[in-house]
Amino acid sequence: AEKYLWFAGIECSTDERPVWSDTVDGVVAVMALRCDIVDILHELYGDCIKYSSPLLQTDDSDGRHLYIYNATDFAYFKLFDDRKLEFCEVLPTAGKDDILCHVERISQEFHLTKFVIRLAGDNCDEVLTLLKQYHKVEKCE
């Protein structure tokens, strides 16, 4: 898991440890958590602990679309093509402009010309207003 994070450009700091989820539809979420948090969780729950991520949520929508879940300081981006996951990543955001920047980078990287953005999470109305100036966006809860 630590090597996978490293290959993805994410290094665990000295006070972090890699953890991972169970496989869900052929996908595993790998993440870095603080060692003290991992230790506390394992003290409380032992081997019963299960890690997860919003990145593991599946989508039953047809067509090519980018699902964005906006949280306070980061956003989850998942690109689907007819329910097949093509890309997923958690990226830092300081506001709606960062989300637009990430959307533009993803659309260039994956040569997206016709796609829908599905948006959920915090400050949806603000982000929706900005993204609608450039893309077709659906608000979802």
C-alpha atoms as a PDB file:
ATOM      1  CA  ALA A   1       0.000   0.000   0.000  1.00  0.00           C
ATOM      2  CA  GLU A   2       2.825   2.403   0.820  1.00  0.00           C
ATOM      3  CA  LYS A   3       4.454   1.775  -2.583  1.00  0.00           C
ATOM      4  CA  TYR A   4       1.125   2.284  -4.321  1.00  0.00           C
ATOM      5  CA  LEU A   5       0.708   5.658  -2.625  1.00  0.00           C
ATOM      6  CA  TRP A   6       4.270   6.557  -3.571  1.00  0.00           C
ATOM      7  CA  PHE A   7       3.615   5.666  -7.230  1.00  0.00           C
ATOM      8  CA  ALA A   8       0.536   7.903  -7.090  1.00  0.00           C
ATOM      9  CA  GLY A   9       2.705  10.777  -5.855  1.00  0.00           C
ATOM     10  CA  ILE A  10       1.600  10.559  -2.227  1.00  0.00           C
ATOM     11  CA  GLU A  11       4.167   9.787   0.431  1.00  0.00           C
ATOM     12  CA  CYS A  12       3.269   8.888   3.966  1.00  0.00           C
ATOM     13  CA  SER A  13       4.867  11.295   6.390  1.00  0.00           C
ATOM     14  CA  THR A  14       6.784   9.909   9.359  1.00  0.00           C
ATOM     15  CA  ASP A  15       3.625  10.070  11.499  1.00  0.00           C
ATOM     16  CA  GLU A  16       1.380   8.360   8.899  1.00  0.00           C
ATOM     17  CA  ARG A  17       0.689   4.764   7.969  1.00  0.00           C
ATOM     18  CA  PRO A  18      -1.003   3.384   4.831  1.00  0.00           C
ATOM     19  CA  VAL A  19      -4.370   1.693   5.252  1.00  0.00           C
ATOM     20  CA  TRP A  20      -6.738   0.236   2.672  1.00  0.00           C
ATOM     21  CA  SER A  21     -10.304  -0.800   2.178  1.00  0.00           C
ATOM     22  CA  ASP A  22     -11.756  -4.130   1.227  1.00  0.00           C
ATOM     23  CA  THR A  23     -12.242  -4.615  -2.521  1.00  0.00           C
ATOM     24  CA  VAL A  24     -15.517  -3.139  -3.785  1.00  0.00           C
ATOM     25  CA  ASP A  25     -16.371  -3.879  -7.427  1.00  0.00           C
ATOM     26  CA  GLY A  26     -12.700  -4.527  -8.165  1.00  0.00           C
ATOM     27  CA  VAL A  27     -11.507  -1.269  -6.561  1.00  0.00           C
ATOM     28  CA  VAL A  28      -9.484  -0.767  -3.375  1.00  0.00           C
ATOM     29  CA  ALA A  29      -9.123   2.624  -1.662  1.00  0.00           C
ATOM     30  CA  VAL A  30      -5.623   3.249  -0.303  1.00  0.00           C
ATOM     31  CA  MET A  31      -5.011   6.174   2.034  1.00  0.00           C
ATOM     32  CA  ALA A  32      -2.553   7.539   4.581  1.00  0.00           C
ATOM     33  CA  LEU A  33      -3.753   8.007   8.158  1.00  0.00           C
ATOM     34  CA  ARG A  34      -1.945   9.297  11.212  1.00  0.00           C
ATOM     35  CA  CYS A  35      -0.329   6.450  13.140  1.00  0.00           C
ATOM     36  CA  ASP A  36      -1.908   7.487  16.442  1.00  0.00           C
ATOM     37  CA  ILE A  37      -5.391   7.344  14.892  1.00  0.00           C
ATOM     38  CA  VAL A  38      -4.735   3.907  13.403  1.00  0.00           C
ATOM     39  CA  ASP A  39      -3.444   2.690  16.783  1.00  0.00           C
ATOM     40  CA  ILE A  40      -6.526   3.990  18.623  1.00  0.00           C
ATOM     41  CA  LEU A  41      -8.887   2.424  16.070  1.00  0.00           C
ATOM     42  CA  HIS A  42      -7.133  -0.921  16.342  1.00  0.00           C
ATOM     43  CA  GLU A  43      -7.177  -0.749  20.154  1.00  0.00           C
ATOM     44  CA  LEU A  44     -10.920  -0.120  20.094  1.00  0.00           C
ATOM     45  CA  TYR A  45     -11.958  -2.452  17.273  1.00  0.00           C
ATOM     46  CA  GLY A  46      -9.068  -4.867  16.727  1.00  0.00           C
ATOM     47  CA  ASP A  47      -9.144  -6.738  13.454  1.00  0.00           C
ATOM     48  CA  CYS A  48     -12.790  -5.782  12.921  1.00  0.00           C
ATOM     49  CA  ILE A  49     -11.826  -2.310  11.675  1.00  0.00           C
ATOM     50  CA  LYS A  50     -12.826  -1.623   8.061  1.00  0.00           C
ATOM     51  CA  TYR A  51     -11.552   1.401   6.142  1.00  0.00           C
ATOM     52  CA  SER A  52     -13.608   2.977   3.396  1.00  0.00           C
ATOM     53  CA  SER A  53     -13.800   6.051   1.199  1.00  0.00           C
ATOM     54  CA  PRO A  54     -16.437   7.931  -0.808  1.00  0.00           C
ATOM     55  CA  LEU A  55     -14.285   7.006  -3.794  1.00  0.00           C
ATOM     56  CA  LEU A  56     -15.664   3.474  -3.464  1.00  0.00           C
ATOM     57  CA  GLN A  57     -19.266   4.530  -4.035  1.00  0.00           C
ATOM     58  CA  THR A  58     -20.532   3.184  -7.328  1.00  0.00           C
ATOM     59  CA  ASP A  59     -22.664   5.086  -9.797  1.00  0.00           C
ATOM     60  CA  ASP A  60     -25.559   3.660 -11.770  1.00  0.00           C
ATOM     61  CA  SER A  61     -25.814   6.517 -14.274  1.00  0.00           C
ATOM     62  CA  ASP A  62     -25.317   5.849 -17.962  1.00  0.00           C
ATOM     63  CA  GLY A  63     -23.060   7.883 -20.206  1.00  0.00           C
ATOM     64  CA  ARG A  64     -19.805   9.632 -19.535  1.00  0.00           C
ATOM     65  CA  HIS A  65     -19.879  11.826 -16.466  1.00  0.00           C
ATOM     66  CA  LEU A  66     -17.687  13.308 -13.790  1.00  0.00           C
ATOM     67  CA  TYR A  67     -19.013  12.940 -10.254  1.00  0.00           C
ATOM     68  CA  ILE A  68     -17.715  15.535  -7.790  1.00  0.00           C
ATOM     69  CA  TYR A  69     -18.324  15.456  -4.061  1.00  0.00           C
ATOM     70  CA  ASN A  70     -17.164  18.762  -2.591  1.00  0.00           C
ATOM     71  CA  ALA A  71     -15.991  18.774   1.027  1.00  0.00           C
ATOM     72  CA  THR A  72     -14.551  21.715   2.967  1.00  0.00           C
ATOM     73  CA  ASP A  73     -10.873  21.505   1.987  1.00  0.00           C
ATOM     74  CA  PHE A  74     -10.914  18.813  -0.692  1.00  0.00           C
ATOM     75  CA  ALA A  75     -13.129  17.238  -3.328  1.00  0.00           C
ATOM     76  CA  TYR A  76     -13.636  13.694  -4.571  1.00  0.00           C
ATOM     77  CA  PHE A  77     -13.507  13.402  -8.364  1.00  0.00           C
ATOM     78  CA  LYS A  78     -14.698  10.237 -10.120  1.00  0.00           C
ATOM     79  CA  LEU A  79     -14.954   9.863 -13.890  1.00  0.00           C
ATOM     80  CA  PHE A  80     -17.330   7.198 -15.198  1.00  0.00           C
ATOM     81  CA  ASP A  81     -18.071   5.924 -18.671  1.00  0.00           C
ATOM     82  CA  ASP A  82     -21.304   3.934 -18.635  1.00  0.00           C
ATOM     83  CA  ARG A  83     -20.816   2.880 -14.992  1.00  0.00           C
ATOM     84  CA  LYS A  84     -17.165   1.934 -15.555  1.00  0.00           C
ATOM     85  CA  LEU A  85     -14.811   3.872 -13.303  1.00  0.00           C
ATOM     86  CA  GLU A  86     -12.058   5.508 -15.382  1.00  0.00           C
ATOM     87  CA  PHE A  87     -10.475   7.820 -12.819  1.00  0.00           C
ATOM     88  CA  CYS A  88     -10.813   8.717  -9.166  1.00  0.00           C
ATOM     89  CA  GLU A  89      -8.855  11.034  -6.940  1.00  0.00           C
ATOM     90  CA  VAL A  90      -9.189  13.232  -3.875  1.00  0.00           C
ATOM     91  CA  LEU A  91      -7.771  16.690  -4.551  1.00  0.00           C
ATOM     92  CA  PRO A  92      -7.256  19.703  -2.279  1.00  0.00           C
ATOM     93  CA  THR A  93      -9.530  22.680  -2.838  1.00  0.00           C
ATOM     94  CA  ALA A  94      -9.562  26.138  -1.320  1.00  0.00           C
ATOM     95  CA  GLY A  95     -12.753  27.113  -3.121  1.00  0.00           C
ATOM     96  CA  LYS A  96     -14.858  26.828  -6.246  1.00  0.00           C
ATOM     97  CA  ASP A  97     -12.077  28.109  -8.520  1.00  0.00           C
ATOM     98  CA  ASP A  98      -9.890  25.154  -7.530  1.00  0.00           C
ATOM     99  CA  ILE A  99     -12.710  22.781  -8.422  1.00  0.00           C
ATOM    100  CA  LEU A 100     -13.021  24.402 -11.852  1.00  0.00           C
ATOM    101  CA  CYS A 101      -9.256  24.114 -12.332  1.00  0.00           C
ATOM    102  CA  HIS A 102      -9.336  20.394 -11.435  1.00  0.00           C
ATOM    103  CA  VAL A 103     -12.299  19.818 -13.794  1.00  0.00           C
ATOM    104  CA  GLU A 104     -10.421  21.494 -16.650  1.00  0.00           C
ATOM    105  CA  ARG A 105      -7.306  19.405 -15.994  1.00  0.00           C
ATOM    106  CA  ILE A 106      -9.319  16.178 -15.855  1.00  0.00           C
ATOM    107  CA  SER A 107     -11.263  17.046 -19.014  1.00  0.00           C
ATOM    108  CA  GLN A 108      -8.008  17.748 -20.884  1.00  0.00           C
ATOM    109  CA  GLU A 109      -6.270  14.644 -19.565  1.00  0.00           C
ATOM    110  CA  PHE A 110      -9.158  12.363 -20.566  1.00  0.00           C
ATOM    111  CA  HIS A 111     -10.091  14.251 -23.768  1.00  0.00           C
ATOM    112  CA  LEU A 112     -13.600  14.969 -22.542  1.00  0.00           C
ATOM    113  CA  THR A 113     -15.706  16.855 -25.031  1.00  0.00           C
ATOM    114  CA  LYS A 114     -19.198  15.667 -24.168  1.00  0.00           C
ATOM    115  CA  PHE A 115     -19.782  14.798 -20.553  1.00  0.00           C
ATOM    116  CA  VAL A 116     -22.002  15.717 -17.633  1.00  0.00           C
ATOM    117  CA  ILE A 117     -20.817  16.809 -14.213  1.00  0.00           C
ATOM    118  CA  ARG A 118     -22.812  15.479 -11.263  1.00  0.00           C
ATOM    119  CA  LEU A 119     -22.219  17.573  -8.157  1.00  0.00           C
ATOM    120  CA  ALA A 120     -22.874  16.901  -4.465  1.00  0.00           C
ATOM    121  CA  GLY A 121     -21.545  18.006  -1.099  1.00  0.00           C
ATOM    122  CA  ASP A 122     -20.780  21.377   0.478  1.00  0.00           C
ATOM    123  CA  ASN A 123     -21.411  24.748  -1.203  1.00  0.00           C
ATOM    124  CA  CYS A 124     -23.099  23.078  -4.157  1.00  0.00           C
ATOM    125  CA  ASP A 125     -24.945  26.202  -5.262  1.00  0.00           C
ATOM    126  CA  GLU A 126     -21.751  28.280  -5.478  1.00  0.00           C
ATOM    127  CA  VAL A 127     -19.833  25.592  -7.324  1.00  0.00           C
ATOM    128  CA  LEU A 128     -22.821  24.826  -9.553  1.00  0.00           C
ATOM    129  CA  THR A 129     -23.108  28.474 -10.653  1.00  0.00           C
ATOM    130  CA  LEU A 130     -19.436  28.599 -11.639  1.00  0.00           C
ATOM    131  CA  LEU A 131     -19.268  25.222 -13.382  1.00  0.00           C
ATOM    132  CA  LYS A 132     -22.473  25.854 -15.366  1.00  0.00           C
ATOM    133  CA  GLN A 133     -20.674  28.665 -17.163  1.00  0.00           C
ATOM    134  CA  TYR A 134     -18.388  26.072 -18.759  1.00  0.00           C
ATOM    135  CA  HIS A 135     -20.030  22.640 -18.567  1.00  0.00           C
ATOM    136  CA  LYS A 136     -23.334  20.787 -18.359  1.00  0.00           C
ATOM    137  CA  VAL A 137     -23.881  20.215 -14.632  1.00  0.00           C
ATOM    138  CA  GLU A 138     -26.478  18.290 -12.658  1.00  0.00           C
ATOM    139  CA  LYS A 139     -26.894  18.921  -8.965  1.00  0.00           C
ATOM    140  CA  CYS A 140     -27.378  15.784  -6.968  1.00  0.00           C
ATOM    141  CA  GLU A 141     -27.759  15.296  -3.249  1.00  0.00           C
END
